[in-house]
Amino acid sequence: SGARAGDELILGKRLGVGFYSAALKKGLLSSPCYASMIAS
């Protein structure tokens, strides 16, 4: 609740975990992408 006008917004991790999880359930997620998902 403390954000102020003029503040910059910073995001710490990459997005797309939900896409990855859906791909995993469909058997489409590659091994390198699974490793990226777990690391994140």
PDB file of all heavy atoms in Angstrom:
ATOM      1  N   SER A   1       0.792  -1.227   0.000  1.00  0.00           N
ATOM      2  CA  SER A   1       0.000   0.000   0.000  1.00  0.00           C
ATOM      3  C   SER A   1       0.827   1.280   0.000  1.00  0.00           C
ATOM      4  O   SER A   1       0.271   2.368   0.175  1.00  0.00           O
ATOM      5  CB  SER A   1      -0.925   0.011   1.223  1.00  0.00           C
ATOM      6  OG  SER A   1      -0.172  -0.092   2.428  1.00  0.00           O
ATOM      7  N   GLY A   2       2.130   1.208  -0.195  1.00  0.00           N
ATOM      8  CA  GLY A   2       2.965   2.406  -0.056  1.00  0.00           C
ATOM      9  C   GLY A   2       3.476   3.006  -1.346  1.00  0.00           C
ATOM     10  O   GLY A   2       4.284   3.942  -1.316  1.00  0.00           O
ATOM     11  N   ALA A   3       3.040   2.488  -2.508  1.00  0.00           N
ATOM     12  CA  ALA A   3       3.552   2.993  -3.784  1.00  0.00           C
ATOM     13  C   ALA A   3       3.204   4.468  -3.969  1.00  0.00           C
ATOM     14  O   ALA A   3       2.122   4.924  -3.573  1.00  0.00           O
ATOM     15  CB  ALA A   3       2.994   2.164  -4.935  1.00  0.00           C
ATOM     16  N   ARG A   4       4.122   5.212  -4.597  1.00  0.00           N
ATOM     17  CA  ARG A   4       3.944   6.643  -4.797  1.00  0.00           C
ATOM     18  C   ARG A   4       4.106   6.993  -6.269  1.00  0.00           C
ATOM     19  O   ARG A   4       4.875   6.341  -6.998  1.00  0.00           O
ATOM     20  CB  ARG A   4       4.974   7.432  -3.980  1.00  0.00           C
ATOM     21  CG  ARG A   4       5.007   7.103  -2.502  1.00  0.00           C
ATOM     22  CD  ARG A   4       6.145   7.836  -1.801  1.00  0.00           C
ATOM     23  NE  ARG A   4       6.299   7.402  -0.407  1.00  0.00           N
ATOM     24  CZ  ARG A   4       7.257   7.847   0.403  1.00  0.00           C
ATOM     25  NH1 ARG A   4       8.146   8.737  -0.051  1.00  0.00           N
ATOM     26  NH2 ARG A   4       7.335   7.406   1.650  1.00  0.00           N
ATOM     27  N   ALA A   5       3.402   8.033  -6.700  1.00  0.00           N
ATOM     28  CA  ALA A   5       3.542   8.504  -8.071  1.00  0.00           C
ATOM     29  C   ALA A   5       5.005   8.852  -8.339  1.00  0.00           C
ATOM     30  O   ALA A   5       5.658   9.505  -7.512  1.00  0.00           O
ATOM     31  CB  ALA A   5       2.659   9.723  -8.298  1.00  0.00           C
ATOM     32  N   GLY A   6       5.529   8.400  -9.461  1.00  0.00           N
ATOM     33  CA  GLY A   6       6.930   8.603  -9.802  1.00  0.00           C
ATOM     34  C   GLY A   6       7.811   7.405  -9.517  1.00  0.00           C
ATOM     35  O   GLY A   6       8.956   7.331  -9.995  1.00  0.00           O
ATOM     36  N   ASP A   7       7.303   6.447  -8.727  1.00  0.00           N
ATOM     37  CA  ASP A   7       8.070   5.230  -8.446  1.00  0.00           C
ATOM     38  C   ASP A   7       8.296   4.418  -9.711  1.00  0.00           C
ATOM     39  O   ASP A   7       7.468   4.409 -10.630  1.00  0.00           O
ATOM     40  CB  ASP A   7       7.327   4.342  -7.433  1.00  0.00           C
ATOM     41  CG  ASP A   7       7.486   4.811  -6.003  1.00  0.00           C
ATOM     42  OD1 ASP A   7       8.289   5.731  -5.762  1.00  0.00           O
ATOM     43  OD2 ASP A   7       6.798   4.255  -5.118  1.00  0.00           O
ATOM     44  N   GLU A   8       9.414   3.714  -9.738  1.00  0.00           N
ATOM     45  CA  GLU A   8       9.691   2.732 -10.782  1.00  0.00           C
ATOM     46  C   GLU A   8       9.226   1.364 -10.288  1.00  0.00           C
ATOM     47  O   GLU A   8       9.268   1.073  -9.087  1.00  0.00           O
ATOM     48  CB  GLU A   8      11.187   2.692 -11.104  1.00  0.00           C
ATOM     49  CG  GLU A   8      11.765   4.005 -11.602  1.00  0.00           C
ATOM     50  CD  GLU A   8      11.389   4.299 -13.045  1.00  0.00           C
ATOM     51  OE1 GLU A   8      11.149   3.339 -13.811  1.00  0.00           O
ATOM     52  OE2 GLU A   8      11.316   5.485 -13.400  1.00  0.00           O
ATOM     53  N   LEU A   9       8.785   0.526 -11.218  1.00  0.00           N
ATOM     54  CA  LEU A   9       8.357  -0.836 -10.901  1.00  0.00           C
ATOM     55  C   LEU A   9       9.409  -1.829 -11.354  1.00  0.00           C
ATOM     56  O   LEU A   9       9.845  -1.795 -12.508  1.00  0.00           O
ATOM     57  CB  LEU A   9       7.026  -1.144 -11.582  1.00  0.00           C
ATOM     58  CG  LEU A   9       5.814  -0.342 -11.098  1.00  0.00           C
ATOM     59  CD1 LEU A   9       4.631  -0.534 -12.043  1.00  0.00           C
ATOM     60  CD2 LEU A   9       5.422  -0.753  -9.673  1.00  0.00           C
ATOM     61  N   ILE A  10       9.818  -2.701 -10.452  1.00  0.00           N
ATOM     62  CA  ILE A  10      10.843  -3.703 -10.753  1.00  0.00           C
ATOM     63  C   ILE A  10      10.285  -5.086 -10.460  1.00  0.00           C
ATOM     64  O   ILE A  10       9.684  -5.316  -9.406  1.00  0.00           O
ATOM     65  CB  ILE A  10      12.118  -3.453  -9.929  1.00  0.00           C
ATOM     66  CG1 ILE A  10      12.740  -2.100 -10.317  1.00  0.00           C
ATOM     67  CG2 ILE A  10      13.126  -4.579 -10.115  1.00  0.00           C
ATOM     68  CD1 ILE A  10      13.930  -1.706  -9.468  1.00  0.00           C
ATOM     69  N   LEU A  11      10.488  -6.015 -11.395  1.00  0.00           N
ATOM     70  CA  LEU A  11      10.061  -7.410 -11.231  1.00  0.00           C
ATOM     71  C   LEU A  11      11.284  -8.299 -11.107  1.00  0.00           C
ATOM     72  O   LEU A  11      12.225  -8.196 -11.901  1.00  0.00           O
ATOM     73  CB  LEU A  11       9.217  -7.843 -12.436  1.00  0.00           C
ATOM     74  CG  LEU A  11       8.688  -9.275 -12.418  1.00  0.00           C
ATOM     75  CD1 LEU A  11       7.747  -9.504 -11.235  1.00  0.00           C
ATOM     76  CD2 LEU A  11       7.974  -9.601 -13.727  1.00  0.00           C
ATOM     77  N   GLY A  12      11.271  -9.192 -10.099  1.00  0.00           N
ATOM     78  CA  GLY A  12      12.454  -9.972  -9.777  1.00  0.00           C
ATOM     79  C   GLY A  12      12.641 -11.264 -10.555  1.00  0.00           C
ATOM     80  O   GLY A  12      13.763 -11.749 -10.692  1.00  0.00           O
ATOM     81  N   LYS A  13      11.543 -11.880 -11.057  1.00  0.00           N
ATOM     82  CA  LYS A  13      11.651 -13.158 -11.771  1.00  0.00           C
ATOM     83  C   LYS A  13      10.950 -13.071 -13.124  1.00  0.00           C
ATOM     84  O   LYS A  13      10.121 -12.187 -13.365  1.00  0.00           O
ATOM     85  CB  LYS A  13      11.008 -14.289 -10.956  1.00  0.00           C
ATOM     86  CG  LYS A  13      11.752 -14.711  -9.718  1.00  0.00           C
ATOM     87  CD  LYS A  13      11.068 -15.934  -9.073  1.00  0.00           C
ATOM     88  CE  LYS A  13      11.757 -16.365  -7.790  1.00  0.00           C
ATOM     89  NZ  LYS A  13      11.112 -17.575  -7.193  1.00  0.00           N
ATOM     90  N   ARG A  14      11.265 -14.029 -13.979  1.00  0.00           N
ATOM     91  CA  ARG A  14      10.644 -14.084 -15.299  1.00  0.00           C
ATOM     92  C   ARG A  14       9.228 -14.653 -15.215  1.00  0.00           C
ATOM     93  O   ARG A  14       8.903 -15.415 -14.309  1.00  0.00           O
ATOM     94  CB  ARG A  14      11.501 -14.943 -16.243  1.00  0.00           C
ATOM     95  CG  ARG A  14      12.867 -14.332 -16.536  1.00  0.00           C
ATOM     96  CD  ARG A  14      13.677 -15.142 -17.525  1.00  0.00           C
ATOM     97  NE  ARG A  14      14.192 -16.370 -16.932  1.00  0.00           N
ATOM     98  CZ  ARG A  14      14.972 -17.235 -17.577  1.00  0.00           C
ATOM     99  NH1 ARG A  14      15.320 -17.010 -18.845  1.00  0.00           N
ATOM    100  NH2 ARG A  14      15.407 -18.317 -16.969  1.00  0.00           N
ATOM    101  N   LEU A  15       8.413 -14.284 -16.181  1.00  0.00           N
ATOM    102  CA  LEU A  15       7.016 -14.714 -16.247  1.00  0.00           C
ATOM    103  C   LEU A  15       6.852 -15.928 -17.161  1.00  0.00           C
ATOM    104  O   LEU A  15       7.681 -16.194 -18.026  1.00  0.00           O
ATOM    105  CB  LEU A  15       6.144 -13.575 -16.780  1.00  0.00           C
ATOM    106  CG  LEU A  15       6.125 -12.267 -15.986  1.00  0.00           C
ATOM    107  CD1 LEU A  15       5.360 -11.203 -16.761  1.00  0.00           C
ATOM    108  CD2 LEU A  15       5.529 -12.474 -14.605  1.00  0.00           C
ATOM    109  N   GLY A  16       5.736 -16.644 -16.972  1.00  0.00           N
ATOM    110  CA  GLY A  16       5.398 -17.755 -17.850  1.00  0.00           C
ATOM    111  C   GLY A  16       5.250 -19.094 -17.161  1.00  0.00           C
ATOM    112  O   GLY A  16       5.099 -20.115 -17.820  1.00  0.00           O
ATOM    113  N   VAL A  17       5.262 -19.106 -15.821  1.00  0.00           N
ATOM    114  CA  VAL A  17       5.176 -20.370 -15.088  1.00  0.00           C
ATOM    115  C   VAL A  17       3.869 -21.092 -15.383  1.00  0.00           C
ATOM    116  O   VAL A  17       3.838 -22.323 -15.535  1.00  0.00           O
ATOM    117  CB  VAL A  17       5.337 -20.136 -13.574  1.00  0.00           C
ATOM    118  CG1 VAL A  17       5.088 -21.428 -12.797  1.00  0.00           C
ATOM    119  CG2 VAL A  17       6.723 -19.600 -13.250  1.00  0.00           C
ATOM    120  N   GLY A  18       2.765 -20.341 -15.473  1.00  0.00           N
ATOM    121  CA  GLY A  18       1.479 -20.974 -15.767  1.00  0.00           C
ATOM    122  C   GLY A  18       1.450 -21.619 -17.136  1.00  0.00           C
ATOM    123  O   GLY A  18       0.917 -22.721 -17.310  1.00  0.00           O
ATOM    124  N   PHE A  19       2.029 -20.957 -18.142  1.00  0.00           N
ATOM    125  CA  PHE A  19       2.138 -21.541 -19.485  1.00  0.00           C
ATOM    126  C   PHE A  19       2.941 -22.842 -19.417  1.00  0.00           C
ATOM    127  O   PHE A  19       2.572 -23.849 -20.032  1.00  0.00           O
ATOM    128  CB  PHE A  19       2.834 -20.567 -20.435  1.00  0.00           C
ATOM    129  CG  PHE A  19       1.982 -19.414 -20.897  1.00  0.00           C
ATOM    130  CD1 PHE A  19       0.718 -19.173 -20.362  1.00  0.00           C
ATOM    131  CD2 PHE A  19       2.446 -18.547 -21.867  1.00  0.00           C
ATOM    132  CE1 PHE A  19      -0.060 -18.110 -20.790  1.00  0.00           C
ATOM    133  CE2 PHE A  19       1.675 -17.480 -22.312  1.00  0.00           C
ATOM    134  CZ  PHE A  19       0.429 -17.255 -21.769  1.00  0.00           C
ATOM    135  N   TYR A  20       4.039 -22.791 -18.681  1.00  0.00           N
ATOM    136  CA  TYR A  20       4.879 -23.982 -18.530  1.00  0.00           C
ATOM    137  C   TYR A  20       4.113 -25.115 -17.869  1.00  0.00           C
ATOM    138  O   TYR A  20       4.207 -26.282 -18.290  1.00  0.00           O
ATOM    139  CB  TYR A  20       6.106 -23.647 -17.671  1.00  0.00           C
ATOM    140  CG  TYR A  20       7.321 -23.151 -18.421  1.00  0.00           C
ATOM    141  CD1 TYR A  20       7.226 -22.580 -19.683  1.00  0.00           C
ATOM    142  CD2 TYR A  20       8.583 -23.236 -17.839  1.00  0.00           C
ATOM    143  CE1 TYR A  20       8.353 -22.119 -20.342  1.00  0.00           C
ATOM    144  CE2 TYR A  20       9.716 -22.785 -18.497  1.00  0.00           C
ATOM    145  CZ  TYR A  20       9.594 -22.217 -19.738  1.00  0.00           C
ATOM    146  OH  TYR A  20      10.730 -21.772 -20.392  1.00  0.00           O
ATOM    147  N   SER A  21       3.374 -24.808 -16.809  1.00  0.00           N
ATOM    148  CA  SER A  21       2.654 -25.862 -16.088  1.00  0.00           C
ATOM    149  C   SER A  21       1.594 -26.501 -16.977  1.00  0.00           C
ATOM    150  O   SER A  21       1.374 -27.718 -16.923  1.00  0.00           O
ATOM    151  CB  SER A  21       2.026 -25.310 -14.806  1.00  0.00           C
ATOM    152  OG  SER A  21       0.986 -24.392 -15.094  1.00  0.00           O
ATOM    153  N   ALA A  22       0.926 -25.683 -17.801  1.00  0.00           N
ATOM    154  CA  ALA A  22      -0.070 -26.231 -18.727  1.00  0.00           C
ATOM    155  C   ALA A  22       0.595 -27.110 -19.770  1.00  0.00           C
ATOM    156  O   ALA A  22       0.074 -28.166 -20.154  1.00  0.00           O
ATOM    157  CB  ALA A  22      -0.837 -25.094 -19.389  1.00  0.00           C
ATOM    158  N   ALA A  23       1.779 -26.693 -20.237  1.00  0.00           N
ATOM    159  CA  ALA A  23       2.518 -27.495 -21.213  1.00  0.00           C
ATOM    160  C   ALA A  23       2.980 -28.811 -20.606  1.00  0.00           C
ATOM    161  O   ALA A  23       2.938 -29.872 -21.251  1.00  0.00           O
ATOM    162  CB  ALA A  23       3.727 -26.706 -21.728  1.00  0.00           C
ATOM    163  N   LEU A  24       3.386 -28.773 -19.346  1.00  0.00           N
ATOM    164  CA  LEU A  24       3.814 -29.991 -18.657  1.00  0.00           C
ATOM    165  C   LEU A  24       2.669 -30.981 -18.551  1.00  0.00           C
ATOM    166  O   LEU A  24       2.836 -32.182 -18.800  1.00  0.00           O
ATOM    167  CB  LEU A  24       4.337 -29.639 -17.266  1.00  0.00           C
ATOM    168  CG  LEU A  24       4.778 -30.814 -16.389  1.00  0.00           C
ATOM    169  CD1 LEU A  24       6.009 -31.480 -16.971  1.00  0.00           C
ATOM    170  CD2 LEU A  24       5.066 -30.341 -14.962  1.00  0.00           C
ATOM    171  N   LYS A  25       1.485 -30.487 -18.201  1.00  0.00           N
ATOM    172  CA  LYS A  25       0.337 -31.366 -18.049  1.00  0.00           C
ATOM    173  C   LYS A  25      -0.047 -32.011 -19.379  1.00  0.00           C
ATOM    174  O   LYS A  25      -0.590 -33.114 -19.419  1.00  0.00           O
ATOM    175  CB  LYS A  25      -0.841 -30.578 -17.473  1.00  0.00           C
ATOM    176  CG  LYS A  25      -1.828 -31.448 -16.702  1.00  0.00           C
ATOM    177  CD  LYS A  25      -2.615 -30.651 -15.684  1.00  0.00           C
ATOM    178  CE  LYS A  25      -3.430 -31.579 -14.786  1.00  0.00           C
ATOM    179  NZ  LYS A  25      -4.175 -30.844 -13.753  1.00  0.00           N
ATOM    180  N   LYS A  26       0.238 -31.312 -20.497  1.00  0.00           N
ATOM    181  CA  LYS A  26      -0.057 -31.852 -21.820  1.00  0.00           C
ATOM    182  C   LYS A  26       1.098 -32.671 -22.393  1.00  0.00           C
ATOM    183  O   LYS A  26       1.019 -33.174 -23.517  1.00  0.00           O
ATOM    184  CB  LYS A  26      -0.378 -30.710 -22.786  1.00  0.00           C
ATOM    185  CG  LYS A  26      -1.683 -29.996 -22.483  1.00  0.00           C
ATOM    186  CD  LYS A  26      -1.995 -28.941 -23.538  1.00  0.00           C
ATOM    187  CE  LYS A  26      -3.331 -28.278 -23.288  1.00  0.00           C
ATOM    188  NZ  LYS A  26      -3.684 -27.303 -24.356  1.00  0.00           N
ATOM    189  N   GLY A  27       2.183 -32.799 -21.631  1.00  0.00           N
ATOM    190  CA  GLY A  27       3.334 -33.566 -22.083  1.00  0.00           C
ATOM    191  C   GLY A  27       4.159 -32.864 -23.133  1.00  0.00           C
ATOM    192  O   GLY A  27       4.902 -33.506 -23.886  1.00  0.00           O
ATOM    193  N   LEU A  28       4.089 -31.535 -23.185  1.00  0.00           N
ATOM    194  CA  LEU A  28       4.786 -30.775 -24.228  1.00  0.00           C
ATOM    195  C   LEU A  28       6.029 -30.042 -23.732  1.00  0.00           C
ATOM    196  O   LEU A  28       6.831 -29.587 -24.548  1.00  0.00           O
ATOM    197  CB  LEU A  28       3.823 -29.750 -24.850  1.00  0.00           C
ATOM    198  CG  LEU A  28       2.579 -30.294 -25.548  1.00  0.00           C
ATOM    199  CD1 LEU A  28       1.705 -29.134 -26.037  1.00  0.00           C
ATOM    200  CD2 LEU A  28       2.967 -31.197 -26.706  1.00  0.00           C
ATOM    201  N   LEU A  29       6.189 -29.908 -22.435  1.00  0.00           N
ATOM    202  CA  LEU A  29       7.287 -29.099 -21.910  1.00  0.00           C
ATOM    203  C   LEU A  29       8.627 -29.812 -22.090  1.00  0.00           C
ATOM    204  O   LEU A  29       8.800 -30.955 -21.668  1.00  0.00           O
ATOM    205  CB  LEU A  29       7.055 -28.797 -20.429  1.00  0.00           C
ATOM    206  CG  LEU A  29       7.970 -27.746 -19.810  1.00  0.00           C
ATOM    207  CD1 LEU A  29       7.697 -26.368 -20.412  1.00  0.00           C
ATOM    208  CD2 LEU A  29       7.794 -27.697 -18.285  1.00  0.00           C
ATOM    209  N   SER A  30       9.581 -29.120 -22.700  1.00  0.00           N
ATOM    210  CA  SER A  30      10.901 -29.705 -22.942  1.00  0.00           C
ATOM    211  C   SER A  30      11.690 -29.795 -21.635  1.00  0.00           C
ATOM    212  O   SER A  30      11.412 -29.082 -20.671  1.00  0.00           O
ATOM    213  CB  SER A  30      11.678 -28.860 -23.945  1.00  0.00           C
ATOM    214  OG  SER A  30      12.045 -27.612 -23.373  1.00  0.00           O
ATOM    215  N   SER A  31      12.710 -30.644 -21.632  1.00  0.00           N
ATOM    216  CA  SER A  31      13.548 -30.800 -20.440  1.00  0.00           C
ATOM    217  C   SER A  31      14.264 -29.503 -20.053  1.00  0.00           C
ATOM    218  O   SER A  31      14.294 -29.144 -18.867  1.00  0.00           O
ATOM    219  CB  SER A  31      14.577 -31.922 -20.660  1.00  0.00           C
ATOM    220  OG  SER A  31      13.929 -33.162 -20.793  1.00  0.00           O
ATOM    221  N   PRO A  32      14.847 -28.760 -21.029  1.00  0.00           N
ATOM    222  CA  PRO A  32      15.484 -27.488 -20.646  1.00  0.00           C
ATOM    223  C   PRO A  32      14.493 -26.488 -20.047  1.00  0.00           C
ATOM    224  O   PRO A  32      14.830 -25.770 -19.104  1.00  0.00           O
ATOM    225  CB  PRO A  32      16.060 -26.968 -21.970  1.00  0.00           C
ATOM    226  CG  PRO A  32      16.245 -28.182 -22.810  1.00  0.00           C
ATOM    227  CD  PRO A  32      15.105 -29.082 -22.446  1.00  0.00           C
ATOM    228  N   CYS A  33      13.274 -26.446 -20.576  1.00  0.00           N
ATOM    229  CA  CYS A  33      12.275 -25.517 -20.035  1.00  0.00           C
ATOM    230  C   CYS A  33      11.802 -25.968 -18.660  1.00  0.00           C
ATOM    231  O   CYS A  33      11.532 -25.133 -17.785  1.00  0.00           O
ATOM    232  CB  CYS A  33      11.101 -25.375 -21.005  1.00  0.00           C
ATOM    233  SG  CYS A  33      11.486 -24.397 -22.477  1.00  0.00           S
ATOM    234  N   TYR A  34      11.715 -27.279 -18.452  1.00  0.00           N
ATOM    235  CA  TYR A  34      11.355 -27.774 -17.128  1.00  0.00           C
ATOM    236  C   TYR A  34      12.427 -27.359 -16.113  1.00  0.00           C
ATOM    237  O   TYR A  34      12.113 -26.924 -14.996  1.00  0.00           O
ATOM    238  CB  TYR A  34      11.220 -29.293 -17.128  1.00  0.00           C
ATOM    239  CG  TYR A  34      10.827 -29.874 -15.783  1.00  0.00           C
ATOM    240  CD1 TYR A  34       9.501 -29.861 -15.356  1.00  0.00           C
ATOM    241  CD2 TYR A  34      11.786 -30.414 -14.924  1.00  0.00           C
ATOM    242  CE1 TYR A  34       9.141 -30.371 -14.114  1.00  0.00           C
ATOM    243  CE2 TYR A  34      11.440 -30.937 -13.687  1.00  0.00           C
ATOM    244  CZ  TYR A  34      10.119 -30.913 -13.289  1.00  0.00           C
ATOM    245  OH  TYR A  34       9.766 -31.418 -12.058  1.00  0.00           O
ATOM    246  N   ALA A  35      13.699 -27.470 -16.532  1.00  0.00           N
ATOM    247  CA  ALA A  35      14.790 -27.060 -15.648  1.00  0.00           C
ATOM    248  C   ALA A  35      14.698 -25.569 -15.326  1.00  0.00           C
ATOM    249  O   ALA A  35      14.933 -25.151 -14.181  1.00  0.00           O
ATOM    250  CB  ALA A  35      16.137 -27.379 -16.294  1.00  0.00           C
ATOM    251  N   SER A  36      14.326 -24.753 -16.313  1.00  0.00           N
ATOM    252  CA  SER A  36      14.160 -23.315 -16.079  1.00  0.00           C
ATOM    253  C   SER A  36      13.015 -23.057 -15.110  1.00  0.00           C
ATOM    254  O   SER A  36      13.088 -22.171 -14.254  1.00  0.00           O
ATOM    255  CB  SER A  36      13.891 -22.590 -17.404  1.00  0.00           C
ATOM    256  OG  SER A  36      15.003 -22.663 -18.266  1.00  0.00           O
ATOM    257  N   MET A  37      11.956 -23.835 -15.251  1.00  0.00           N
ATOM    258  CA  MET A  37      10.795 -23.691 -14.375  1.00  0.00           C
ATOM    259  C   MET A  37      11.170 -24.005 -12.930  1.00  0.00           C
ATOM    260  O   MET A  37      10.816 -23.252 -12.001  1.00  0.00           O
ATOM    261  CB  MET A  37       9.683 -24.625 -14.845  1.00  0.00           C
ATOM    262  CG  MET A  37       8.442 -24.633 -13.986  1.00  0.00           C
ATOM    263  SD  MET A  37       7.262 -25.865 -14.605  1.00  0.00           S
ATOM    264  CE  MET A  37       5.924 -25.672 -13.446  1.00  0.00           C
ATOM    265  N   ILE A  38      11.874 -25.092 -12.718  1.00  0.00           N
ATOM    266  CA  ILE A  38      12.268 -25.485 -11.365  1.00  0.00           C
ATOM    267  C   ILE A  38      13.240 -24.474 -10.768  1.00  0.00           C
ATOM    268  O   ILE A  38      13.129 -24.095  -9.598  1.00  0.00           O
ATOM    269  CB  ILE A  38      12.879 -26.899 -11.353  1.00  0.00           C
ATOM    270  CG1 ILE A  38      11.868 -27.927 -11.848  1.00  0.00           C
ATOM    271  CG2 ILE A  38      13.365 -27.262  -9.947  1.00  0.00           C
ATOM    272  CD1 ILE A  38      10.566 -27.954 -11.066  1.00  0.00           C
ATOM    273  N   ALA A  39      14.184 -24.006 -11.571  1.00  0.00           N
ATOM    274  CA  ALA A  39      15.155 -23.030 -11.080  1.00  0.00           C
ATOM    275  C   ALA A  39      14.458 -21.752 -10.612  1.00  0.00           C
ATOM    276  O   ALA A  39      14.830 -21.160  -9.585  1.00  0.00           O
ATOM    277  CB  ALA A  39      16.175 -22.703 -12.172  1.00  0.00           C
ATOM    278  N   SER A  40      13.430 -21.333 -11.348  1.00  0.00           N
ATOM    279  CA  SER A  40      12.717 -20.108 -10.997  1.00  0.00           C
ATOM    280  C   SER A  40      11.824 -20.306  -9.772  1.00  0.00           C
ATOM    281  O   SER A  40      11.851 -19.501  -8.838  1.00  0.00           O
ATOM    282  CB  SER A  40      11.876 -19.639 -12.188  1.00  0.00           C
ATOM    283  OG  SER A  40      11.135 -18.484 -11.872  1.00  0.00           O
TER     284      SER A  40
END
